[in-house]
Protein backbone atom coordinates (compact mmCIF):
# COMPACT_ATOMS: atom_id res chain seq x y z
CA MET A 1 -6.41 -14.30 8.72
CA LYS A 2 -8.06 -14.31 5.29
CA ASP A 3 -11.45 -14.46 7.00
CA ASN A 4 -10.76 -11.54 9.34
CA PRO A 5 -13.51 -9.00 8.53
CA ILE A 6 -11.12 -6.03 8.45
CA ILE A 7 -8.71 -7.75 6.07
CA ALA A 8 -11.54 -9.17 3.94
CA LYS A 9 -13.15 -5.72 3.60
CA MET A 10 -9.85 -4.08 2.68
CA THR A 11 -9.14 -6.81 0.10
CA SER A 12 -12.57 -6.31 -1.45
CA GLU A 13 -12.10 -2.54 -1.62
CA ILE A 14 -8.68 -2.90 -3.26
CA VAL A 15 -10.11 -5.27 -5.89
CA LYS A 16 -12.80 -2.71 -6.76
CA ILE A 17 -10.23 0.07 -7.14
CA CYS A 18 -7.62 -1.61 -9.34
CA SER A 19 -8.49 -5.20 -10.33
CA PRO A 20 -5.12 -6.57 -9.17
CA PHE A 21 -3.65 -9.88 -10.29
CA GLN A 22 -2.99 -10.93 -6.70
CA ILE A 23 -3.10 -9.64 -3.14
CA TYR A 24 -1.03 -11.25 -0.39
CA LEU A 25 -1.16 -10.77 3.35
CA VAL A 26 2.48 -10.19 4.25
CA SER A 27 2.21 -9.75 8.02
CA PHE A 28 -0.19 -8.82 10.79
CA LYS A 29 -0.18 -7.90 14.47
CA LEU A 30 -2.66 -8.94 17.13
CA ASN A 31 -3.15 -7.51 20.61
CA SER A 32 -3.33 -9.65 23.76
CA LYS A 33 -7.05 -10.21 23.12
CA GLY A 34 -6.31 -11.65 19.68
CA GLU A 35 -7.71 -8.59 17.89
CA LEU A 36 -6.08 -7.31 14.71
CA THR A 37 -4.08 -4.13 15.35
CA ALA A 38 -2.15 -3.74 12.06
CA PHE A 39 -1.39 -5.57 8.83
CA LYS A 40 0.60 -5.34 5.61
CA VAL A 41 -0.53 -6.39 2.13
CA CYS A 42 1.31 -6.80 -1.14
CA ILE A 43 -0.64 -5.91 -4.29
CA ILE A 44 0.43 -7.07 -7.77
CA THR A 45 -1.05 -4.91 -10.55
CA GLY A 46 -0.79 -4.45 -14.29
CA ASP A 47 2.23 -2.64 -15.68
CA SER A 48 0.08 0.26 -16.91
CA TYR A 49 -0.66 1.51 -13.38
CA ASP A 50 1.28 4.35 -11.77
CA ILE A 51 1.82 2.43 -8.54
CA VAL A 52 2.72 5.51 -6.48
CA LYS A 53 -0.56 7.17 -7.47
CA LEU A 54 -2.48 3.92 -7.06
CA GLU A 55 -1.14 3.41 -3.54
CA SER A 56 -2.29 6.93 -2.63
CA ASP A 57 -5.68 6.32 -4.24
CA ILE A 58 -6.13 3.10 -2.26
CA LEU A 59 -5.16 4.69 1.04
CA LEU A 60 -7.42 7.71 0.44
CA SER A 61 -10.37 5.67 -0.86
CA THR A 62 -10.49 3.01 1.83
CA ASP A 63 -11.43 3.28 5.47
CA CYS A 64 -9.41 0.80 7.47
CA PRO A 65 -9.87 0.96 11.26
CA VAL A 66 -6.31 -0.30 11.90
CA PRO A 67 -2.98 0.69 10.31
CA CYS A 68 -2.51 -0.99 6.92
CA ASP A 69 0.75 -0.87 5.00
CA ILE A 70 0.72 -1.46 1.26
CA ILE A 71 3.53 -2.78 -0.92
CA MET A 72 2.95 -2.54 -4.67
CA TYR A 73 4.50 -4.45 -7.57
CA HIS A 74 3.94 -4.28 -11.31
CA ILE A 75 3.31 -7.79 -12.65
CA SER A 76 6.48 -7.74 -14.79
CA GLU A 77 8.65 -6.74 -11.81
CA TRP A 78 6.92 -9.38 -9.66
CA ASN A 79 7.45 -12.16 -12.21
CA ASN A 80 11.11 -11.20 -12.68
CA SER A 81 11.68 -11.35 -8.91
CA LEU A 82 10.06 -14.72 -8.22
CA GLU A 83 12.97 -16.84 -9.42
CA ASP A 84 15.46 -15.25 -7.02
CA ASP A 85 15.02 -16.66 -3.51
CA CYS A 86 16.70 -13.55 -2.06
CA THR A 87 13.91 -11.19 -3.17
CA PHE A 88 11.03 -9.91 -1.12
CA ALA A 89 8.59 -11.07 -3.82
CA TYR A 90 9.89 -14.63 -3.53
CA ARG A 91 9.44 -14.57 0.26
CA VAL A 92 5.94 -13.13 -0.02
CA GLU A 93 4.82 -15.71 -2.58
CA ASN A 94 6.19 -18.57 -0.48
CA ALA A 95 5.35 -17.38 3.03
CA GLY A 96 2.53 -14.84 2.59
CA GLU A 97 -1.15 -15.71 2.62
CA LEU A 98 -2.86 -15.32 -0.75
CA LEU A 99 -5.95 -13.17 -0.14
CA TYR A 100 -7.05 -12.71 -3.74
CA GLU A 101 -6.14 -13.99 -7.18
CA GLN A 102 -7.65 -12.77 -10.42
CA GLU A 103 -9.45 -15.52 -12.31
């Protein structure tokens, strides 16, 4: 799904807005024609961001033609959660599709 034009465009727009450390595709839905109808991404940002405000900024600044849910993590919270296999972050890192990683 990384090459889907809708997801690729949204990923690119998110990178321009906040320079995240990583973006993962968490889930997606397709219709019977195989067309994307919704998706969910997880964005890992620096600790200095107000993630509630940033989520609003991303949703207001982007124009996605299908519903897109966003889950946000500060990098410190993300890193602390990765060792526990019961956390959402652990599941995303191990089962999600990495769309972007800061170099």
